[in-house]
Amino acid sequence: MASQLNDAENLSRIREILLGSEIEEVEKRVQLVKDEISQIVQQFESDGQAKHTEIQQLIDQKVRDLEQLIELKNTDQEGKVNDVKEDIKEIRQSVEESFAKLNQQMDATSVKFHQMNTQNLQMIEDLKLKWSKQQAEIGEMKKAKMDKKRLADLMAQLSKELLTDDQDDK
């Protein structure tokens, strides 16, 4: 309802913008013609009734011509107003279509972001699992390294003892 009122107000404003100067011009012309005719009537009243009738016919014709001109201008302006209404409808429809496309694109982008987020979370979980496995392997390597060092120390000690025993035997 408020939209229709706004449309009516906008239409009235557009009509005022489009017709305002032309209507004033026509009204001025009408006023000038009326003033001119009044002067002519006053001059001819003194000449008699015949001239009066002739002038009245002239006035009537001028008024009809001006009314036709006003009607023609109004019809032309109404056509322009209708064209503007159609343009507004087309623009409104275009804007609504653009918003619909934008909403679709936003929805599609949201879905893609969600998918990427899910993939990133899965990759993080996979990396955590790999890291845990690597930590376990590092721990086993450290343990194995310690065992090898102990074995090397034992071998070195055994070798010394063997050498010492060999020297004692000689």
N, C-alpha and C. Protein backbone atom coordinates (compact mmCIF):
# COMPACT_ATOMS: atom_id res chain seq x y z
N MET A 1 0.83 -1.18 0.00
CA MET A 1 0.00 0.00 0.00
C MET A 1 0.88 1.25 0.00
N ALA A 2 1.90 1.26 0.87
CA ALA A 2 2.82 2.40 0.95
C ALA A 2 3.59 2.52 -0.36
N SER A 3 3.91 1.39 -0.97
CA SER A 3 4.62 1.41 -2.25
C SER A 3 3.78 2.07 -3.33
N GLN A 4 2.45 1.78 -3.30
CA GLN A 4 1.57 2.40 -4.29
C GLN A 4 1.47 3.90 -4.06
N LEU A 5 1.45 4.31 -2.80
CA LEU A 5 1.42 5.74 -2.48
C LEU A 5 2.71 6.41 -2.95
N ASN A 6 3.84 5.75 -2.69
CA ASN A 6 5.11 6.30 -3.14
C ASN A 6 5.15 6.38 -4.66
N ASP A 7 4.65 5.34 -5.32
CA ASP A 7 4.60 5.35 -6.79
C ASP A 7 3.72 6.49 -7.28
N ALA A 8 2.58 6.69 -6.61
CA ALA A 8 1.67 7.78 -7.01
C ALA A 8 2.34 9.13 -6.78
N GLU A 9 3.03 9.27 -5.64
CA GLU A 9 3.73 10.52 -5.37
C GLU A 9 4.84 10.74 -6.39
N ASN A 10 5.58 9.66 -6.67
CA ASN A 10 6.66 9.77 -7.66
C ASN A 10 6.10 10.12 -9.03
N LEU A 11 4.98 9.50 -9.38
CA LEU A 11 4.33 9.79 -10.66
C LEU A 11 3.89 11.24 -10.70
N SER A 12 3.34 11.72 -9.60
CA SER A 12 2.90 13.11 -9.53
C SER A 12 4.09 14.05 -9.67
N ARG A 13 5.20 13.69 -9.02
CA ARG A 13 6.40 14.52 -9.13
C ARG A 13 6.93 14.53 -10.56
N ILE A 14 6.96 13.34 -11.16
CA ILE A 14 7.44 13.24 -12.54
C ILE A 14 6.54 14.06 -13.46
N ARG A 15 5.22 13.94 -13.27
CA ARG A 15 4.28 14.70 -14.10
C ARG A 15 4.53 16.20 -13.90
N GLU A 16 4.77 16.62 -12.64
CA GLU A 16 5.00 18.02 -12.36
C GLU A 16 6.29 18.49 -13.04
N ILE A 17 7.32 17.62 -12.98
CA ILE A 17 8.60 17.99 -13.61
C ILE A 17 8.43 18.08 -15.12
N LEU A 18 7.77 17.06 -15.69
CA LEU A 18 7.61 17.02 -17.14
C LEU A 18 6.63 18.05 -17.66
N LEU A 19 5.54 18.25 -16.93
CA LEU A 19 4.46 19.10 -17.44
C LEU A 19 4.47 20.51 -16.87
N GLY A 20 5.16 20.71 -15.76
CA GLY A 20 5.06 21.97 -15.04
C GLY A 20 5.31 23.18 -15.92
N SER A 21 6.44 23.21 -16.60
CA SER A 21 6.75 24.41 -17.40
C SER A 21 5.83 24.52 -18.61
N GLU A 22 5.45 23.41 -19.20
CA GLU A 22 4.57 23.45 -20.37
C GLU A 22 3.17 23.91 -19.97
N ILE A 23 2.69 23.42 -18.84
CA ILE A 23 1.35 23.84 -18.39
C ILE A 23 1.35 25.32 -18.06
N GLU A 24 2.42 25.79 -17.40
CA GLU A 24 2.50 27.21 -17.09
C GLU A 24 2.52 28.02 -18.39
N GLU A 25 3.28 27.52 -19.38
CA GLU A 25 3.35 28.20 -20.66
C GLU A 25 1.99 28.25 -21.32
N VAL A 26 1.26 27.13 -21.29
CA VAL A 26 -0.07 27.07 -21.88
C VAL A 26 -1.02 27.99 -21.11
N GLU A 27 -0.91 27.96 -19.78
CA GLU A 27 -1.77 28.82 -18.97
C GLU A 27 -1.47 30.30 -19.25
N LYS A 28 -0.20 30.62 -19.42
CA LYS A 28 0.15 32.00 -19.75
C LYS A 28 -0.44 32.38 -21.11
N ARG A 29 -0.32 31.43 -22.05
CA ARG A 29 -0.89 31.69 -23.37
C ARG A 29 -2.41 31.90 -23.28
N VAL A 30 -3.03 31.03 -22.51
CA VAL A 30 -4.48 31.16 -22.33
C VAL A 30 -4.81 32.52 -21.73
N GLN A 31 -4.04 32.89 -20.71
CA GLN A 31 -4.28 34.17 -20.07
C GLN A 31 -4.06 35.33 -21.04
N LEU A 32 -2.99 35.23 -21.82
CA LEU A 32 -2.71 36.28 -22.80
C LEU A 32 -3.84 36.37 -23.84
N VAL A 33 -4.28 35.18 -24.28
CA VAL A 33 -5.36 35.16 -25.27
C VAL A 33 -6.63 35.74 -24.65
N LYS A 34 -6.91 35.35 -23.40
CA LYS A 34 -8.11 35.89 -22.74
C LYS A 34 -8.01 37.41 -22.60
N ASP A 35 -6.83 37.86 -22.20
CA ASP A 35 -6.64 39.31 -22.06
C ASP A 35 -6.83 40.00 -23.40
N GLU A 36 -6.24 39.40 -24.43
CA GLU A 36 -6.35 39.98 -25.78
C GLU A 36 -7.80 40.01 -26.24
N ILE A 37 -8.49 38.93 -25.98
CA ILE A 37 -9.89 38.83 -26.40
C ILE A 37 -10.75 39.82 -25.63
N SER A 38 -10.45 39.98 -24.36
CA SER A 38 -11.21 40.96 -23.57
C SER A 38 -11.06 42.36 -24.13
N GLN A 39 -9.86 42.69 -24.53
CA GLN A 39 -9.63 44.01 -25.12
C GLN A 39 -10.41 44.15 -26.44
N ILE A 40 -10.35 43.09 -27.22
CA ILE A 40 -11.06 43.12 -28.50
C ILE A 40 -12.56 43.25 -28.26
N VAL A 41 -13.08 42.53 -27.29
CA VAL A 41 -14.51 42.59 -26.98
C VAL A 41 -14.91 44.00 -26.59
N GLN A 42 -14.13 44.63 -25.76
CA GLN A 42 -14.45 45.99 -25.33
C GLN A 42 -14.47 46.96 -26.52
N GLN A 43 -13.53 46.77 -27.43
CA GLN A 43 -13.49 47.65 -28.60
C GLN A 43 -14.72 47.45 -29.49
N PHE A 44 -15.08 46.21 -29.65
CA PHE A 44 -16.17 45.91 -30.59
C PHE A 44 -17.57 46.06 -29.98
N GLU A 45 -17.68 46.09 -28.66
CA GLU A 45 -19.00 46.27 -28.06
C GLU A 45 -19.63 47.59 -28.55
N SER A 46 -18.77 48.51 -28.72
CA SER A 46 -19.27 49.80 -29.19
C SER A 46 -19.74 49.71 -30.65
N ASP A 47 -19.22 48.78 -31.40
CA ASP A 47 -19.59 48.63 -32.81
C ASP A 47 -20.88 47.87 -33.01
N GLY A 48 -21.33 47.20 -31.97
CA GLY A 48 -22.63 46.57 -32.16
C GLY A 48 -22.64 45.08 -31.86
N GLN A 49 -23.88 44.59 -31.93
CA GLN A 49 -24.16 43.20 -31.61
C GLN A 49 -23.55 42.24 -32.64
N ALA A 50 -23.48 42.57 -33.87
CA ALA A 50 -22.94 41.70 -34.92
C ALA A 50 -21.48 41.39 -34.65
N LYS A 51 -20.78 42.45 -34.33
CA LYS A 51 -19.36 42.25 -34.03
C LYS A 51 -19.20 41.42 -32.75
N HIS A 52 -20.09 41.65 -31.81
CA HIS A 52 -20.05 40.90 -30.55
C HIS A 52 -20.18 39.39 -30.81
N THR A 53 -21.12 39.00 -31.65
CA THR A 53 -21.33 37.60 -31.97
C THR A 53 -20.09 37.02 -32.65
N GLU A 54 -19.54 37.77 -33.55
CA GLU A 54 -18.35 37.33 -34.28
C GLU A 54 -17.18 37.12 -33.32
N ILE A 55 -17.03 38.04 -32.41
CA ILE A 55 -15.95 37.94 -31.41
C ILE A 55 -16.17 36.74 -30.50
N GLN A 56 -17.41 36.55 -30.11
CA GLN A 56 -17.72 35.41 -29.24
C GLN A 56 -17.35 34.11 -29.93
N GLN A 57 -17.63 34.01 -31.20
CA GLN A 57 -17.27 32.81 -31.95
C GLN A 57 -15.75 32.64 -32.01
N LEU A 58 -15.06 33.75 -32.21
CA LEU A 58 -13.60 33.71 -32.24
C LEU A 58 -13.05 33.24 -30.89
N ILE A 59 -13.62 33.80 -29.83
CA ILE A 59 -13.20 33.40 -28.48
C ILE A 59 -13.44 31.91 -28.27
N ASP A 60 -14.62 31.49 -28.63
CA ASP A 60 -14.95 30.07 -28.45
C ASP A 60 -13.97 29.18 -29.22
N GLN A 61 -13.66 29.60 -30.43
CA GLN A 61 -12.73 28.81 -31.24
C GLN A 61 -11.35 28.78 -30.61
N LYS A 62 -10.87 29.91 -30.13
CA LYS A 62 -9.56 29.99 -29.48
C LYS A 62 -9.52 29.11 -28.24
N VAL A 63 -10.58 29.17 -27.45
CA VAL A 63 -10.66 28.36 -26.23
C VAL A 63 -10.64 26.87 -26.59
N ARG A 64 -11.43 26.51 -27.61
CA ARG A 64 -11.45 25.09 -28.03
C ARG A 64 -10.06 24.67 -28.53
N ASP A 65 -9.41 25.55 -29.29
CA ASP A 65 -8.07 25.24 -29.77
C ASP A 65 -7.10 25.04 -28.61
N LEU A 66 -7.18 25.93 -27.65
CA LEU A 66 -6.30 25.82 -26.48
C LEU A 66 -6.64 24.58 -25.65
N GLU A 67 -7.90 24.29 -25.51
CA GLU A 67 -8.29 23.08 -24.78
C GLU A 67 -7.78 21.84 -25.50
N GLN A 68 -7.87 21.86 -26.84
CA GLN A 68 -7.34 20.74 -27.62
C GLN A 68 -5.83 20.64 -27.44
N LEU A 69 -5.17 21.79 -27.46
CA LEU A 69 -3.73 21.81 -27.26
C LEU A 69 -3.36 21.27 -25.87
N ILE A 70 -4.09 21.71 -24.87
CA ILE A 70 -3.86 21.22 -23.51
C ILE A 70 -4.11 19.71 -23.45
N GLU A 71 -5.19 19.27 -24.04
CA GLU A 71 -5.52 17.84 -24.05
C GLU A 71 -4.42 17.05 -24.77
N LEU A 72 -3.95 17.60 -25.89
CA LEU A 72 -2.88 16.94 -26.65
C LEU A 72 -1.62 16.86 -25.79
N LYS A 73 -1.28 17.95 -25.13
CA LYS A 73 -0.10 17.97 -24.26
C LYS A 73 -0.27 16.99 -23.10
N ASN A 74 -1.45 16.97 -22.50
CA ASN A 74 -1.72 16.04 -21.40
C ASN A 74 -1.59 14.60 -21.87
N THR A 75 -2.15 14.32 -23.04
CA THR A 75 -2.08 12.97 -23.59
C THR A 75 -0.63 12.59 -23.85
N ASP A 76 0.12 13.53 -24.42
CA ASP A 76 1.54 13.29 -24.69
C ASP A 76 2.30 13.04 -23.38
N GLN A 77 2.01 13.86 -22.38
CA GLN A 77 2.69 13.72 -21.10
C GLN A 77 2.29 12.42 -20.39
N GLU A 78 1.02 12.04 -20.52
CA GLU A 78 0.58 10.77 -19.93
C GLU A 78 1.31 9.61 -20.60
N GLY A 79 1.52 9.74 -21.91
CA GLY A 79 2.30 8.71 -22.62
C GLY A 79 3.72 8.64 -22.09
N LYS A 80 4.30 9.82 -21.85
CA LYS A 80 5.66 9.86 -21.29
C LYS A 80 5.68 9.27 -19.89
N VAL A 81 4.66 9.60 -19.11
CA VAL A 81 4.57 9.06 -17.74
C VAL A 81 4.45 7.54 -17.81
N ASN A 82 3.63 7.04 -18.71
CA ASN A 82 3.48 5.59 -18.85
C ASN A 82 4.80 4.95 -19.28
N ASP A 83 5.52 5.64 -20.17
CA ASP A 83 6.84 5.13 -20.58
C ASP A 83 7.79 5.08 -19.39
N VAL A 84 7.76 6.13 -18.56
CA VAL A 84 8.61 6.16 -17.38
C VAL A 84 8.21 5.03 -16.41
N LYS A 85 6.91 4.79 -16.27
CA LYS A 85 6.45 3.69 -15.40
C LYS A 85 6.98 2.37 -15.91
N GLU A 86 6.91 2.17 -17.22
CA GLU A 86 7.42 0.93 -17.81
C GLU A 86 8.92 0.80 -17.59
N ASP A 87 9.63 1.92 -17.76
CA ASP A 87 11.07 1.90 -17.51
C ASP A 87 11.36 1.54 -16.06
N ILE A 88 10.60 2.10 -15.15
CA ILE A 88 10.78 1.81 -13.72
C ILE A 88 10.51 0.33 -13.45
N LYS A 89 9.46 -0.21 -14.06
CA LYS A 89 9.16 -1.64 -13.88
C LYS A 89 10.31 -2.50 -14.38
N GLU A 90 10.85 -2.14 -15.56
CA GLU A 90 11.96 -2.90 -16.13
C GLU A 90 13.19 -2.81 -15.24
N ILE A 91 13.46 -1.62 -14.73
CA ILE A 91 14.62 -1.45 -13.84
C ILE A 91 14.42 -2.25 -12.57
N ARG A 92 13.22 -2.17 -12.01
CA ARG A 92 12.93 -2.92 -10.78
C ARG A 92 13.13 -4.43 -11.02
N GLN A 93 12.61 -4.91 -12.15
CA GLN A 93 12.74 -6.33 -12.47
C GLN A 93 14.22 -6.69 -12.65
N SER A 94 14.96 -5.82 -13.32
CA SER A 94 16.39 -6.06 -13.52
C SER A 94 17.13 -6.11 -12.18
N VAL A 95 16.80 -5.19 -11.30
CA VAL A 95 17.45 -5.16 -9.98
C VAL A 95 17.09 -6.43 -9.19
N GLU A 96 15.83 -6.84 -9.25
CA GLU A 96 15.42 -8.05 -8.54
C GLU A 96 16.14 -9.28 -9.10
N GLU A 97 16.29 -9.33 -10.41
CA GLU A 97 17.01 -10.44 -11.03
C GLU A 97 18.47 -10.42 -10.61
N SER A 98 19.06 -9.22 -10.56
CA SER A 98 20.46 -9.10 -10.14
C SER A 98 20.63 -9.57 -8.70
N PHE A 99 19.68 -9.18 -7.83
CA PHE A 99 19.75 -9.63 -6.44
C PHE A 99 19.59 -11.15 -6.35
N ALA A 100 18.73 -11.71 -7.16
CA ALA A 100 18.54 -13.15 -7.14
C ALA A 100 19.83 -13.85 -7.56
N LYS A 101 20.48 -13.35 -8.62
CA LYS A 101 21.74 -13.94 -9.08
C LYS A 101 22.81 -13.79 -8.01
N LEU A 102 22.85 -12.63 -7.39
CA LEU A 102 23.83 -12.38 -6.34
C LEU A 102 23.62 -13.34 -5.17
N ASN A 103 22.36 -13.55 -4.79
CA ASN A 103 22.06 -14.50 -3.71
C ASN A 103 22.48 -15.90 -4.08
N GLN A 104 22.26 -16.29 -5.34
CA GLN A 104 22.68 -17.62 -5.79
C GLN A 104 24.20 -17.74 -5.71
N GLN A 105 24.90 -16.70 -6.16
CA GLN A 105 26.36 -16.73 -6.11
C GLN A 105 26.86 -16.79 -4.68
N MET A 106 26.20 -16.04 -3.80
CA MET A 106 26.60 -16.07 -2.39
C MET A 106 26.35 -17.45 -1.79
N ASP A 107 25.22 -18.07 -2.13
CA ASP A 107 24.94 -19.42 -1.65
C ASP A 107 25.98 -20.41 -2.16
N ALA A 108 26.32 -20.31 -3.44
CA ALA A 108 27.31 -21.20 -4.02
C ALA A 108 28.67 -20.99 -3.36
N THR A 109 29.02 -19.74 -3.11
CA THR A 109 30.29 -19.44 -2.47
C THR A 109 30.30 -19.98 -1.03
N SER A 110 29.19 -19.85 -0.35
CA SER A 110 29.08 -20.36 1.01
C SER A 110 29.28 -21.88 1.03
N VAL A 111 28.67 -22.56 0.07
CA VAL A 111 28.83 -24.02 -0.02
C VAL A 111 30.30 -24.36 -0.27
N LYS A 112 30.94 -23.62 -1.19
CA LYS A 112 32.36 -23.88 -1.48
C LYS A 112 33.22 -23.64 -0.24
N PHE A 113 32.95 -22.55 0.48
CA PHE A 113 33.71 -22.29 1.69
C PHE A 113 33.52 -23.41 2.72
N HIS A 114 32.30 -23.88 2.84
CA HIS A 114 32.03 -24.97 3.78
C HIS A 114 32.81 -26.22 3.36
N GLN A 115 32.79 -26.53 2.06
CA GLN A 115 33.52 -27.69 1.57
C GLN A 115 35.02 -27.54 1.82
N MET A 116 35.55 -26.34 1.55
CA MET A 116 36.97 -26.08 1.77
C MET A 116 37.31 -26.20 3.25
N ASN A 117 36.44 -25.69 4.10
CA ASN A 117 36.65 -25.77 5.53
C ASN A 117 36.68 -27.23 5.99
N THR A 118 35.74 -28.01 5.47
CA THR A 118 35.70 -29.44 5.81
C THR A 118 36.97 -30.13 5.35
N GLN A 119 37.41 -29.81 4.12
CA GLN A 119 38.64 -30.41 3.61
C GLN A 119 39.85 -29.99 4.45
N ASN A 120 39.90 -28.73 4.82
CA ASN A 120 41.01 -28.24 5.64
C ASN A 120 41.03 -28.93 7.00
N LEU A 121 39.86 -29.10 7.61
CA LEU A 121 39.79 -29.80 8.90
C LEU A 121 40.26 -31.25 8.75
N GLN A 122 39.89 -31.88 7.66
CA GLN A 122 40.33 -33.26 7.42
C GLN A 122 41.85 -33.31 7.23
N MET A 123 42.37 -32.33 6.49
CA MET A 123 43.82 -32.28 6.29
C MET A 123 44.55 -32.06 7.61
N ILE A 124 43.99 -31.22 8.47
CA ILE A 124 44.59 -30.97 9.79
C ILE A 124 44.60 -32.27 10.60
N GLU A 125 43.50 -32.99 10.57
CA GLU A 125 43.43 -34.27 11.31
C GLU A 125 44.45 -35.26 10.75
N ASP A 126 44.57 -35.31 9.42
CA ASP A 126 45.55 -36.20 8.78
C ASP A 126 46.97 -35.82 9.19
N LEU A 127 47.26 -34.51 9.21
CA LEU A 127 48.59 -34.04 9.61
C LEU A 127 48.87 -34.38 11.08
N LYS A 128 47.86 -34.23 11.93
CA LYS A 128 48.04 -34.57 13.35
C LYS A 128 48.38 -36.05 13.49
N LEU A 129 47.67 -36.89 12.74
CA LEU A 129 47.91 -38.34 12.78
C LEU A 129 49.33 -38.65 12.30
N LYS A 130 49.74 -38.03 11.19
CA LYS A 130 51.10 -38.25 10.68
C LYS A 130 52.14 -37.78 11.68
N TRP A 131 51.86 -36.63 12.31
CA TRP A 131 52.80 -36.09 13.28
C TRP A 131 52.95 -37.05 14.47
N SER A 132 51.82 -37.58 14.93
CA SER A 132 51.85 -38.54 16.04
C SER A 132 52.67 -39.77 15.66
N LYS A 133 52.46 -40.25 14.45
CA LYS A 133 53.22 -41.43 13.98
C LYS A 133 54.71 -41.12 13.91
N GLN A 134 55.04 -39.92 13.40
CA GLN A 134 56.44 -39.53 13.29
C GLN A 134 57.06 -39.39 14.68
N GLN A 135 56.30 -38.84 15.63
CA GLN A 135 56.82 -38.71 17.00
C GLN A 135 57.11 -40.10 17.58
N ALA A 136 56.19 -41.02 17.31
CA ALA A 136 56.40 -42.39 17.81
C ALA A 136 57.64 -42.99 17.16
N GLU A 137 57.81 -42.79 15.84
CA GLU A 137 58.98 -43.32 15.15
C GLU A 137 60.25 -42.68 15.67
N ILE A 138 60.21 -41.38 15.93
CA ILE A 138 61.38 -40.69 16.49
C ILE A 138 61.73 -41.27 17.85
N GLY A 139 60.70 -41.53 18.65
CA GLY A 139 60.93 -42.13 19.97
C GLY A 139 61.58 -43.50 19.84
N GLU A 140 61.09 -44.31 18.89
CA GLU A 140 61.67 -45.64 18.68
C GLU A 140 63.09 -45.53 18.17
N MET A 141 63.35 -44.54 17.31
CA MET A 141 64.70 -44.36 16.79
C MET A 141 65.65 -43.96 17.91
N LYS A 142 65.18 -43.07 18.77
CA LYS A 142 66.01 -42.66 19.90
C LYS A 142 66.32 -43.86 20.78
N LYS A 143 65.31 -44.69 20.99
CA LYS A 143 65.49 -45.90 21.82
C LYS A 143 66.48 -46.84 21.15
N ALA A 144 66.30 -47.00 19.82
CA ALA A 144 67.18 -47.89 19.07
C ALA A 144 68.60 -47.34 19.08
N LYS A 145 68.75 -46.04 19.00
CA LYS A 145 70.06 -45.41 19.01
C LYS A 145 70.73 -45.65 20.36
N MET A 146 69.94 -45.53 21.43
CA MET A 146 70.49 -45.77 22.77
C MET A 146 70.93 -47.23 22.90
N ASP A 147 70.12 -48.14 22.36
CA ASP A 147 70.48 -49.56 22.43
C ASP A 147 71.75 -49.83 21.63
N LYS A 148 71.91 -49.20 20.49
CA LYS A 148 73.11 -49.38 19.67
C LYS A 148 74.32 -48.81 20.39
N LYS A 149 74.14 -47.69 21.05
CA LYS A 149 75.25 -47.06 21.79
C LYS A 149 75.67 -47.97 22.95
N ARG A 150 74.69 -48.51 23.65
CA ARG A 150 75.01 -49.43 24.75
C ARG A 150 75.75 -50.66 24.23
N LEU A 151 75.25 -51.15 23.08
CA LEU A 151 75.87 -52.33 22.48
C LEU A 151 77.30 -52.01 22.07
N ALA A 152 77.50 -50.80 21.50
CA ALA A 152 78.85 -50.40 21.10
C ALA A 152 79.75 -50.28 22.33
N ASP A 153 79.21 -49.72 23.40
CA ASP A 153 79.99 -49.58 24.63
C ASP A 153 80.35 -50.96 25.19
N LEU A 154 79.37 -51.84 25.18
CA LEU A 154 79.63 -53.20 25.67
C LEU A 154 80.69 -53.90 24.82
N MET A 155 80.58 -53.70 23.51
CA MET A 155 81.55 -54.33 22.60
C MET A 155 82.94 -53.76 22.84
N ALA A 156 82.98 -52.43 23.04
CA ALA A 156 84.28 -51.79 23.30
C ALA A 156 84.85 -52.31 24.61
N GLN A 157 84.02 -52.45 25.62
CA GLN A 157 84.46 -52.94 26.91
C GLN A 157 84.91 -54.39 26.80
N LEU A 158 84.15 -55.18 26.05
CA LEU A 158 84.50 -56.59 25.84
C LEU A 158 85.83 -56.69 25.10
N SER A 159 85.98 -55.82 24.15
CA SER A 159 87.21 -55.82 23.37
C SER A 159 88.39 -55.48 24.27
N LYS A 160 88.23 -54.51 25.16
CA LYS A 160 89.29 -54.15 26.08
C LYS A 160 89.62 -55.31 27.01
N GLU A 161 88.57 -55.93 27.46
CA GLU A 161 88.78 -57.05 28.38
C GLU A 161 89.48 -58.18 27.65
N LEU A 162 89.10 -58.41 26.42
CA LEU A 162 89.75 -59.47 25.65
C LEU A 162 91.21 -59.12 25.41
N LEU A 163 91.45 -57.88 25.12
CA LEU A 163 92.83 -57.45 24.89
C LEU A 163 93.63 -57.54 26.19
N THR A 164 93.00 -57.17 27.25
CA THR A 164 93.67 -57.23 28.54
C THR A 164 93.92 -58.68 28.91
N ASP A 165 92.99 -59.54 28.64
CA ASP A 165 93.14 -60.97 28.93
C ASP A 165 94.23 -61.56 28.05
N ASP A 166 94.27 -61.13 26.80
CA ASP A 166 95.30 -61.63 25.88
C ASP A 166 96.69 -61.18 26.34
N GLN A 167 96.79 -60.02 26.85
CA GLN A 167 98.07 -59.50 27.27
C GLN A 167 98.48 -60.18 28.59
N ASP A 168 97.52 -60.48 29.37
CA ASP A 168 97.81 -61.17 30.62
C ASP A 168 98.27 -62.59 30.33
N ASP A 169 97.74 -63.18 29.31
CA ASP A 169 98.09 -64.54 28.95
C ASP A 169 99.49 -64.59 28.35
N LYS A 170 99.99 -63.64 27.88
CA LYS A 170 101.27 -63.66 27.25
C LYS A 170 102.30 -63.46 28.26
